[in-house]
Amino acid sequence: MVLALWAWTQRKALEWKLHEKGIALWEKVKALYARLGEKWRNTKAYAKLMAMEPLQRRMTIMLCGVFLLLGLIFAFNQFKSFMIKYFISGMGLPPATVSTMVIASSEWQPKLTSVGNVRAFRGVDLSSEIGGLVLTVPVKSGQDVKDGELLIKLNDASDVAQLNSLKALADLAKVINERDRQQLAIQAISKNVFDTSAADAKSKQAQVEQQTALVAKKNLKAPFAGRVGIVSINPGQYVNPGDKLLTLQTLDPIFVDFNLPQSNAEQIQVGQEVTVTTDAFKDVSFTGKITAVSPKVDTNTRNIQVEAQLANPDKKILPGMFANVDIKLGDQVKLLTLPQTAVTYNPYGSTVFVAKPTGKKDKQGNPALEAQQVFVTTGATRGDQVAILKGVEEGATVVTSGQLKLKNGTPLIINNKVQPANSPNPKPQE
């Protein structure tokens, strides 16, 4: 109780003192207002004002008050604008968080890149010239066969019988012709009879050869060595002439067909080394050489067709696959490289932002950095990288992301926890 009373007493004493100070200040204000009023009443302007008619005097006082109020509003706005500019100029540019990297040189292999299609060294869809009933299918799906090996045999019993009959007739015609030859030698027959028998013997032999070819057509053989595709023909099945029976592909070696722009015509030569990769075997590359360059340019695309041959001993690459082709051009060179995201491309030129030290230190005691925009000359691209030919020197710290919010002199906050892609040979993520 005593403590509460003491606290109330002190609070009231403070209030009384403040009240006394307020009263004293109000008295001073009233005295100042009285003095100003006294001086104002002793002026000529006051005398003229009082000499006016009451209505005119009230209008004059009102206009003076309006102008005074407008002047005060204008002065307040000017003061506010001045103070805002003063505080903004004192604060400077706000810092921006960016990622950076030190530009360095790397080995760069000049090359041309393209996409192409894999094509078999030899490939054909086999069919029969004549129809017939399938007798046997000696091969299996995916089997490697040799040149001339039997693939499908049609029923040729009647054709073979006909062939044997024609052979007998041909043998008889040959014997008769030989007998006529002997008789002609002793002039037992005329030359006309001998010529007739000779023609008959040749005709019978031609019929034998024709029937032999017919019998051969009933035996579908491999025209070259290769791998058989999926065999869907079964014994007892009837096939018509021209029906697709199976496919045969030679897989080693194998071709890759691709196109290059006509501007690269001077750089393409037969014998150049190529490196091929496929999506099916992402970690395996296949090497080969250019074997042919088309002698004309496609008028629709202005591209040149190029053919390369690859060794395929394991027969991994299959016809029809999509392939990425790299053509090496000369020896490796050293170039400064940056991620492509670090370069800003504009109609007036390409630019990058360099982190320059200001000579000061930040709150953590580290050297303070600010952004400086520089023009650069870019070269070829490789994956996520672009070559920098002019503009920056090796060892410079370059902003790699966040540069869209920068301008010259912007303070930088470096955060390299996340960096943009910078791979010379990027691979798509599954």
Protein backbone atom coordinates (compact mmCIF):
# COMPACT_ATOMS: atom_id res chain seq x y z
CA MET A 1 0.00 0.00 0.00
CA VAL A 2 2.79 2.36 0.87
CA LEU A 3 4.63 1.56 -2.37
CA ALA A 4 1.52 2.15 -4.48
CA LEU A 5 0.93 5.48 -2.76
CA TRP A 6 4.53 6.50 -3.35
CA ALA A 7 4.30 5.61 -7.08
CA TRP A 8 1.04 7.59 -7.43
CA THR A 9 2.62 10.57 -5.77
CA GLN A 10 5.62 10.54 -8.12
CA ARG A 11 3.38 10.14 -11.16
CA LYS A 12 1.21 13.07 -10.17
CA ALA A 13 4.28 15.18 -9.44
CA LEU A 14 5.54 14.46 -12.92
CA GLU A 15 2.17 15.34 -14.40
CA TRP A 16 2.07 18.60 -12.45
CA LYS A 17 5.55 19.55 -13.61
CA LEU A 18 4.57 18.83 -17.22
CA HIS A 19 1.40 20.80 -16.73
CA GLU A 20 3.37 23.72 -15.34
CA LYS A 21 5.78 23.58 -18.29
CA GLY A 22 2.84 23.48 -20.69
CA ILE A 23 1.24 26.49 -19.06
CA ALA A 24 4.53 28.40 -19.18
CA LEU A 25 5.01 27.53 -22.86
CA TRP A 26 1.44 28.61 -23.67
CA GLU A 27 2.03 31.93 -21.92
CA LYS A 28 5.13 32.52 -24.01
CA VAL A 29 3.21 31.71 -27.19
CA LYS A 30 0.44 34.10 -26.24
CA ALA A 31 3.00 36.83 -25.46
CA LEU A 32 4.71 36.26 -28.84
CA TYR A 33 1.34 36.36 -30.62
CA ALA A 34 0.46 39.59 -28.77
CA ARG A 35 3.74 41.24 -29.75
CA LEU A 36 3.33 40.19 -33.39
CA GLY A 37 -0.25 41.46 -33.30
CA GLU A 38 0.89 44.76 -31.86
CA LYS A 39 3.52 45.16 -34.57
CA TRP A 40 0.99 44.19 -37.25
CA ARG A 41 -1.49 46.81 -36.03
CA ASN A 42 1.22 49.50 -36.31
CA THR A 43 1.87 48.79 -40.00
CA LYS A 44 0.51 50.70 -43.00
CA ALA A 45 -0.95 47.49 -44.44
CA TYR A 46 -3.12 47.10 -41.36
CA ALA A 47 -4.23 50.73 -41.63
CA LYS A 48 -5.19 50.26 -45.31
CA LEU A 49 -6.97 47.04 -44.46
CA MET A 50 -9.01 48.69 -41.73
CA ALA A 51 -9.84 51.58 -44.05
CA MET A 52 -11.59 49.17 -46.46
CA GLU A 53 -15.26 48.38 -46.50
CA PRO A 54 -16.16 45.45 -44.21
CA LEU A 55 -17.05 43.12 -47.12
CA GLN A 56 -13.91 44.05 -49.07
CA ARG A 57 -11.80 43.60 -45.91
CA ARG A 58 -13.22 40.11 -45.31
CA MET A 59 -12.58 39.10 -48.93
CA THR A 60 -9.00 40.36 -48.74
CA ILE A 61 -8.36 38.46 -45.50
CA MET A 62 -9.88 35.28 -47.02
CA LEU A 63 -7.73 35.49 -50.18
CA CYS A 64 -4.60 36.09 -48.16
CA GLY A 65 -5.43 33.04 -46.02
CA VAL A 66 -6.01 30.85 -49.11
CA PHE A 67 -2.71 31.93 -50.68
CA LEU A 68 -0.93 31.35 -47.39
CA LEU A 69 -2.42 27.85 -47.14
CA LEU A 70 -1.45 27.00 -50.74
CA GLY A 71 2.05 28.26 -50.10
CA LEU A 72 2.34 26.11 -46.99
CA ILE A 73 1.12 23.00 -48.92
CA PHE A 74 3.60 23.64 -51.77
CA ALA A 75 6.43 24.19 -49.32
CA PHE A 76 5.54 20.97 -47.48
CA ASN A 77 5.54 18.93 -50.72
CA GLN A 78 8.90 20.36 -51.77
CA PHE A 79 10.34 19.59 -48.36
CA LYS A 80 8.99 16.03 -48.51
CA SER A 81 10.48 15.42 -52.00
CA PHE A 82 13.81 16.82 -50.88
CA MET A 83 13.90 14.59 -47.81
CA ILE A 84 12.98 11.47 -49.86
CA LYS A 85 15.75 12.18 -52.39
CA TYR A 86 18.16 12.83 -49.58
CA PHE A 87 17.46 9.53 -47.86
CA ILE A 88 17.48 7.54 -51.15
CA SER A 89 20.80 9.06 -52.21
CA GLY A 90 22.21 8.21 -48.83
CA MET A 91 21.05 4.60 -49.02
CA GLY A 92 22.60 3.83 -52.47
CA LEU A 93 21.66 0.89 -54.73
CA PRO A 94 20.18 -2.14 -52.99
CA PRO A 95 22.45 -5.21 -53.05
CA ALA A 96 21.60 -8.17 -55.33
CA THR A 97 22.23 -11.86 -54.67
CA VAL A 98 24.00 -13.60 -57.56
CA SER A 99 26.13 -16.64 -58.31
CA THR A 100 29.61 -16.24 -59.76
CA MET A 101 32.49 -18.25 -61.15
CA VAL A 102 36.09 -17.58 -62.07
CA ILE A 103 36.52 -17.76 -65.84
CA ALA A 104 39.23 -20.19 -66.88
CA SER A 105 40.50 -21.74 -70.11
CA SER A 106 39.74 -25.32 -71.06
CA GLU A 107 40.64 -27.71 -73.85
CA TRP A 108 38.22 -27.26 -76.72
CA GLN A 109 37.91 -29.72 -79.59
CA PRO A 110 36.62 -27.96 -82.73
CA LYS A 111 33.90 -30.13 -84.19
CA LEU A 112 30.65 -30.22 -86.09
CA THR A 113 27.60 -31.88 -84.63
CA SER A 114 24.58 -33.37 -86.29
CA VAL A 115 21.92 -36.02 -85.85
CA GLY A 116 21.47 -38.94 -88.18
CA ASN A 117 19.92 -42.33 -88.77
CA VAL A 118 21.62 -45.69 -88.68
CA ARG A 119 21.43 -47.74 -91.86
CA ALA A 120 22.52 -51.32 -92.45
CA PHE A 121 25.57 -51.99 -94.62
CA ARG A 122 23.23 -54.22 -96.62
CA GLY A 123 19.57 -54.64 -95.81
CA VAL A 124 16.60 -56.08 -97.64
CA ASP A 125 13.09 -57.37 -97.04
CA LEU A 126 13.02 -60.75 -98.77
CA SER A 127 10.05 -62.04 -100.76
CA SER A 128 9.40 -64.88 -103.21
CA GLU A 129 9.05 -64.35 -106.96
CA ILE A 130 6.47 -67.15 -107.18
CA GLY A 131 3.77 -68.46 -104.90
CA GLY A 132 3.64 -71.79 -103.23
CA LEU A 133 3.22 -73.83 -100.09
CA VAL A 134 5.95 -73.46 -97.46
CA LEU A 135 7.69 -76.78 -96.95
CA THR A 136 10.41 -75.96 -94.41
CA VAL A 137 11.84 -72.90 -92.63
CA PRO A 138 15.46 -73.81 -91.74
CA VAL A 139 16.28 -70.46 -90.02
CA LYS A 140 15.19 -69.00 -86.70
CA SER A 141 14.47 -65.43 -85.68
CA GLY A 142 17.64 -63.39 -85.09
CA GLN A 143 19.94 -66.04 -86.59
CA ASP A 144 23.14 -65.03 -88.37
CA VAL A 145 23.30 -66.65 -91.82
CA LYS A 146 25.95 -66.92 -94.50
CA ASP A 147 25.75 -65.91 -98.13
CA GLY A 148 23.68 -68.48 -100.07
CA GLU A 149 22.28 -70.23 -96.99
CA LEU A 150 18.73 -71.60 -97.39
CA LEU A 151 16.12 -69.54 -95.58
CA ILE A 152 12.73 -70.81 -96.76
CA LYS A 153 11.91 -73.80 -98.97
CA LEU A 154 8.64 -74.00 -100.89
CA ASN A 155 7.04 -77.23 -102.07
CA ASP A 156 8.77 -78.00 -105.38
CA ALA A 157 7.97 -81.71 -105.87
CA SER A 158 6.01 -81.23 -109.09
CA ASP A 159 8.58 -78.78 -110.44
CA VAL A 160 11.43 -81.21 -109.74
CA ALA A 161 9.52 -83.99 -111.49
CA GLN A 162 8.98 -81.73 -114.47
CA LEU A 163 12.67 -80.88 -114.42
CA ASN A 164 13.64 -84.55 -114.48
CA SER A 165 11.33 -85.11 -117.43
CA LEU A 166 12.85 -82.23 -119.33
CA LYS A 167 16.35 -83.45 -118.52
CA ALA A 168 15.49 -86.86 -120.03
CA LEU A 169 14.16 -85.24 -123.18
CA ALA A 170 17.24 -83.03 -123.35
CA ASP A 171 19.53 -86.04 -123.00
CA LEU A 172 17.62 -87.85 -125.76
CA ALA A 173 17.82 -84.82 -128.04
CA LYS A 174 21.55 -84.60 -127.39
CA VAL A 175 22.06 -88.29 -128.28
CA ILE A 176 20.03 -87.90 -131.47
CA ASN A 177 22.00 -84.83 -132.44
CA GLU A 178 25.28 -86.62 -131.82
CA ARG A 179 24.06 -89.57 -133.93
CA ASP A 180 23.02 -87.20 -136.70
CA ARG A 181 26.48 -85.64 -136.55
CA GLN A 182 28.06 -89.03 -137.23
CA GLN A 183 25.66 -89.81 -140.05
CA LEU A 184 26.24 -86.37 -141.57
CA ALA A 185 29.95 -87.13 -141.60
CA ILE A 186 29.33 -90.07 -143.96
CA GLN A 187 26.63 -88.11 -145.78
CA ALA A 188 23.90 -90.55 -144.71
CA ILE A 189 21.56 -87.64 -143.90
CA SER A 190 21.14 -84.17 -145.17
CA LYS A 191 22.49 -81.04 -143.47
CA ASN A 192 18.89 -79.91 -142.85
CA VAL A 193 18.13 -82.95 -140.73
CA PHE A 194 21.27 -82.36 -138.63
CA ASP A 195 20.44 -78.71 -138.10
CA THR A 196 16.93 -79.63 -136.99
CA SER A 197 18.21 -82.11 -134.42
CA ALA A 198 20.79 -79.64 -133.16
CA ALA A 199 18.14 -76.95 -132.69
CA ASP A 200 15.90 -79.45 -130.92
CA ALA A 201 18.73 -80.40 -128.55
CA LYS A 202 19.37 -76.73 -127.69
CA SER A 203 15.65 -76.13 -127.17
CA LYS A 204 15.38 -79.07 -124.79
CA GLN A 205 18.44 -77.85 -122.87
CA ALA A 206 16.93 -74.37 -122.59
CA GLN A 207 13.75 -75.86 -121.18
CA VAL A 208 15.85 -77.70 -118.62
CA GLU A 209 17.58 -74.46 -117.60
CA GLN A 210 14.22 -72.67 -117.37
CA GLN A 211 12.79 -75.39 -115.15
CA THR A 212 15.98 -75.40 -113.06
CA ALA A 213 15.55 -71.66 -112.46
CA LEU A 214 11.92 -72.27 -111.51
CA VAL A 215 12.94 -74.92 -108.99
CA ALA A 216 15.61 -72.56 -107.61
CA LYS A 217 12.95 -69.90 -107.02
CA LYS A 218 11.20 -72.34 -104.70
CA ASN A 219 14.30 -72.16 -102.45
CA LEU A 220 14.69 -68.69 -100.88
CA LYS A 221 18.40 -68.23 -100.10
CA ALA A 222 20.34 -65.42 -98.41
CA PRO A 223 21.70 -63.00 -101.05
CA PHE A 224 24.43 -61.95 -98.60
CA ALA A 225 25.63 -62.68 -95.08
CA GLY A 226 23.66 -61.02 -92.31
CA ARG A 227 21.17 -61.40 -89.48
CA VAL A 228 17.63 -62.63 -90.04
CA GLY A 229 14.77 -60.67 -88.51
CA ILE A 230 11.61 -62.02 -86.91
CA VAL A 231 10.48 -65.14 -88.79
CA SER A 232 6.69 -65.34 -88.87
CA ILE A 233 6.39 -67.88 -91.72
CA ASN A 234 5.43 -71.43 -90.77
CA PRO A 235 5.49 -74.73 -92.73
CA GLY A 236 2.21 -75.39 -94.48
CA GLN A 237 1.52 -71.69 -95.04
CA TYR A 238 0.77 -70.54 -98.58
CA VAL A 239 2.61 -67.44 -99.76
CA ASN A 240 1.81 -65.26 -102.74
CA PRO A 241 4.38 -63.72 -105.09
CA GLY A 242 5.77 -60.48 -103.63
CA ASP A 243 4.71 -61.19 -100.02
CA LYS A 244 7.25 -59.98 -97.43
CA LEU A 245 8.62 -63.11 -95.79
CA LEU A 246 11.48 -61.87 -93.58
CA THR A 247 14.19 -59.22 -93.33
CA LEU A 248 17.95 -59.68 -93.65
CA GLN A 249 20.40 -57.05 -92.37
CA THR A 250 24.19 -56.88 -92.40
CA LEU A 251 25.15 -55.20 -89.11
CA ASP A 252 28.94 -55.13 -89.29
CA PRO A 253 30.00 -52.67 -90.58
CA ILE A 254 27.10 -50.24 -90.47
CA PHE A 255 26.31 -46.83 -91.97
CA VAL A 256 25.14 -43.56 -90.39
CA ASP A 257 23.45 -40.99 -92.64
CA PHE A 258 23.32 -37.36 -91.47
CA ASN A 259 23.03 -33.83 -92.87
CA LEU A 260 25.18 -30.73 -92.46
CA PRO A 261 24.53 -27.12 -93.56
CA GLN A 262 26.00 -26.05 -96.88
CA SER A 263 28.17 -23.53 -95.02
CA ASN A 264 30.20 -26.47 -93.69
CA ALA A 265 30.88 -27.94 -97.13
CA GLU A 266 34.52 -26.85 -97.08
CA GLN A 267 35.13 -28.57 -93.72
CA ILE A 268 33.75 -31.97 -94.75
CA GLN A 269 36.06 -34.50 -96.38
CA VAL A 270 36.00 -38.22 -97.01
CA GLY A 271 38.10 -40.01 -94.40
CA GLN A 272 37.40 -37.63 -91.52
CA GLU A 273 36.92 -39.28 -88.14
CA VAL A 274 33.46 -39.23 -86.58
CA THR A 275 32.20 -40.19 -83.14
CA VAL A 276 28.68 -41.57 -82.82
CA THR A 277 26.56 -41.96 -79.71
CA THR A 278 23.05 -43.32 -79.33
CA ASP A 279 20.37 -43.02 -76.68
CA ALA A 280 20.33 -46.81 -76.37
CA PHE A 281 23.99 -46.91 -75.21
CA LYS A 282 24.55 -43.59 -73.45
CA ASP A 283 27.97 -44.45 -72.00
CA VAL A 284 29.38 -45.98 -75.20
CA SER A 285 30.72 -44.10 -78.21
CA PHE A 286 31.48 -45.57 -81.62
CA THR A 287 34.14 -44.25 -83.97
CA GLY A 288 34.17 -44.38 -87.74
CA LYS A 289 35.04 -42.42 -90.85
CA ILE A 290 33.18 -40.48 -93.51
CA THR A 291 32.89 -42.66 -96.59
CA ALA A 292 30.85 -40.46 -98.94
CA VAL A 293 29.57 -36.89 -99.33
CA SER A 294 26.61 -36.18 -101.56
CA PRO A 295 27.60 -34.31 -104.75
CA LYS A 296 24.55 -32.01 -104.49
CA VAL A 297 22.83 -29.77 -101.96
CA ASP A 298 19.18 -30.31 -101.08
CA THR A 299 17.35 -27.30 -102.53
CA ASN A 300 14.66 -27.45 -99.82
CA THR A 301 16.88 -27.53 -96.74
CA ARG A 302 20.23 -26.36 -98.20
CA ASN A 303 21.88 -29.29 -96.44
CA ILE A 304 24.45 -31.80 -97.65
CA GLN A 305 23.92 -35.50 -97.01
CA VAL A 306 26.92 -37.31 -95.56
CA GLU A 307 27.53 -41.03 -95.06
CA ALA A 308 29.84 -42.47 -92.39
CA GLN A 309 30.82 -46.09 -91.82
CA LEU A 310 31.28 -47.58 -88.34
CA ALA A 311 32.69 -50.85 -87.13
CA ASN A 312 29.99 -52.75 -85.23
CA PRO A 313 31.59 -56.04 -84.16
CA ASP A 314 29.25 -56.50 -81.18
CA LYS A 315 26.29 -55.64 -83.41
CA LYS A 316 24.90 -53.27 -80.78
CA ILE A 317 23.87 -50.55 -83.20
CA LEU A 318 20.78 -51.48 -85.17
CA PRO A 319 19.39 -49.99 -88.39
CA GLY A 320 16.85 -47.25 -87.81
CA MET A 321 18.40 -45.97 -84.56
CA PHE A 322 18.71 -42.25 -83.89
CA ALA A 323 22.37 -41.21 -83.62
CA ASN A 324 24.32 -38.13 -82.47
CA VAL A 325 27.31 -37.50 -84.72
CA ASP A 326 30.43 -35.45 -83.87
CA ILE A 327 32.98 -34.65 -86.57
CA LYS A 328 36.41 -33.61 -85.30
CA LEU A 329 38.00 -30.61 -87.01
CA GLY A 330 41.72 -30.27 -86.35
CA ASP A 331 43.61 -30.25 -83.05
CA GLN A 332 42.37 -29.14 -79.65
CA VAL A 333 42.61 -25.45 -78.71
CA LYS A 334 42.44 -23.57 -75.40
CA LEU A 335 39.51 -21.19 -75.02
CA LEU A 336 37.89 -19.25 -72.18
CA THR A 337 34.45 -20.69 -71.49
CA LEU A 338 31.40 -19.60 -69.54
CA PRO A 339 27.93 -21.07 -68.99
CA GLN A 340 25.59 -19.78 -71.67
CA THR A 341 23.34 -18.34 -68.91
CA ALA A 342 26.13 -15.89 -67.97
CA VAL A 343 25.92 -14.09 -71.33
CA THR A 344 23.16 -11.60 -72.13
CA TYR A 345 22.57 -11.38 -75.88
CA ASN A 346 21.40 -8.00 -77.18
CA PRO A 347 21.01 -6.46 -80.65
CA TYR A 348 23.87 -4.09 -79.85
CA GLY A 349 26.19 -6.83 -78.56
CA SER A 350 26.68 -9.55 -75.98
CA THR A 351 27.46 -8.57 -72.38
CA VAL A 352 28.45 -10.14 -69.07
CA PHE A 353 28.67 -8.73 -65.56
CA VAL A 354 32.01 -8.88 -63.78
CA ALA A 355 32.27 -8.74 -59.97
CA LYS A 356 34.78 -5.93 -59.23
CA PRO A 357 36.17 -5.19 -55.74
CA THR A 358 35.29 -1.74 -54.37
CA GLY A 359 38.20 -1.52 -51.92
CA LYS A 360 35.77 -1.63 -48.98
CA LYS A 361 34.59 -4.45 -46.74
CA ASP A 362 31.12 -5.71 -45.97
CA LYS A 363 29.59 -6.41 -42.55
CA GLN A 364 31.28 -9.82 -42.40
CA GLY A 365 34.69 -8.34 -43.13
CA ASN A 366 34.91 -9.72 -46.67
CA PRO A 367 35.91 -7.52 -49.64
CA ALA A 368 32.83 -5.75 -51.00
CA LEU A 369 32.04 -6.39 -54.66
CA GLU A 370 29.98 -4.47 -57.20
CA ALA A 371 28.74 -5.28 -60.69
CA GLN A 372 30.40 -3.93 -63.82
CA GLN A 373 28.95 -4.63 -67.26
CA VAL A 374 31.40 -5.44 -70.07
CA PHE A 375 30.94 -6.29 -73.74
CA VAL A 376 32.25 -9.66 -74.93
CA THR A 377 32.74 -11.43 -78.25
CA THR A 378 31.35 -14.95 -78.16
CA GLY A 379 32.47 -17.92 -80.22
CA ALA A 380 31.23 -21.46 -80.75
CA THR A 381 29.00 -23.24 -78.26
CA ARG A 382 29.52 -26.69 -76.78
CA GLY A 383 26.78 -28.20 -74.65
CA ASP A 384 26.02 -25.68 -71.87
CA GLN A 385 29.20 -23.69 -72.55
CA VAL A 386 30.04 -20.80 -74.86
CA ALA A 387 33.53 -19.69 -75.84
CA ILE A 388 34.53 -16.10 -74.96
CA LEU A 389 36.95 -14.68 -77.53
CA LYS A 390 37.25 -11.06 -76.28
CA GLY A 391 36.08 -8.88 -73.40
CA VAL A 392 37.25 -10.60 -70.21
CA GLU A 393 40.57 -11.98 -69.04
CA GLU A 394 41.27 -15.34 -67.47
CA GLY A 395 40.80 -15.26 -63.69
CA ALA A 396 38.02 -12.65 -63.71
CA THR A 397 34.98 -13.31 -61.52
CA VAL A 398 31.88 -13.37 -63.73
CA VAL A 399 28.23 -13.37 -62.67
CA THR A 400 26.59 -16.59 -63.91
CA SER A 401 23.00 -16.06 -62.71
CA GLY A 402 20.87 -13.20 -61.39
CA GLN A 403 22.31 -10.63 -63.81
CA LEU A 404 18.88 -9.49 -65.04
CA LYS A 405 18.48 -7.32 -61.93
CA LEU A 406 21.95 -5.76 -62.14
CA LYS A 407 23.36 -2.52 -63.46
CA ASN A 408 26.72 -0.85 -63.11
CA GLY A 409 27.61 -0.26 -59.48
CA THR A 410 25.08 -2.65 -57.95
CA PRO A 411 26.49 -4.15 -54.71
CA LEU A 412 26.71 -7.94 -54.89
CA ILE A 413 25.95 -10.69 -52.42
CA ILE A 414 27.62 -13.92 -53.58
CA ASN A 415 25.73 -17.19 -53.12
CA ASN A 416 27.28 -20.10 -55.02
CA LYS A 417 25.25 -22.89 -53.47
CA VAL A 418 23.43 -23.38 -56.78
CA GLN A 419 25.29 -22.99 -60.07
CA PRO A 420 23.85 -23.06 -63.62
CA ALA A 421 24.58 -26.02 -65.89
CA ASN A 422 28.13 -25.87 -67.27
CA SER A 423 28.71 -29.26 -68.90
CA PRO A 424 30.44 -29.57 -72.30
CA ASN A 425 28.48 -32.73 -72.98
CA PRO A 426 25.11 -32.52 -71.22
CA LYS A 427 22.82 -35.50 -71.09
CA PRO A 428 19.04 -35.33 -70.67
CA GLN A 429 17.67 -36.37 -67.30
CA GLU A 430 15.39 -39.38 -67.25
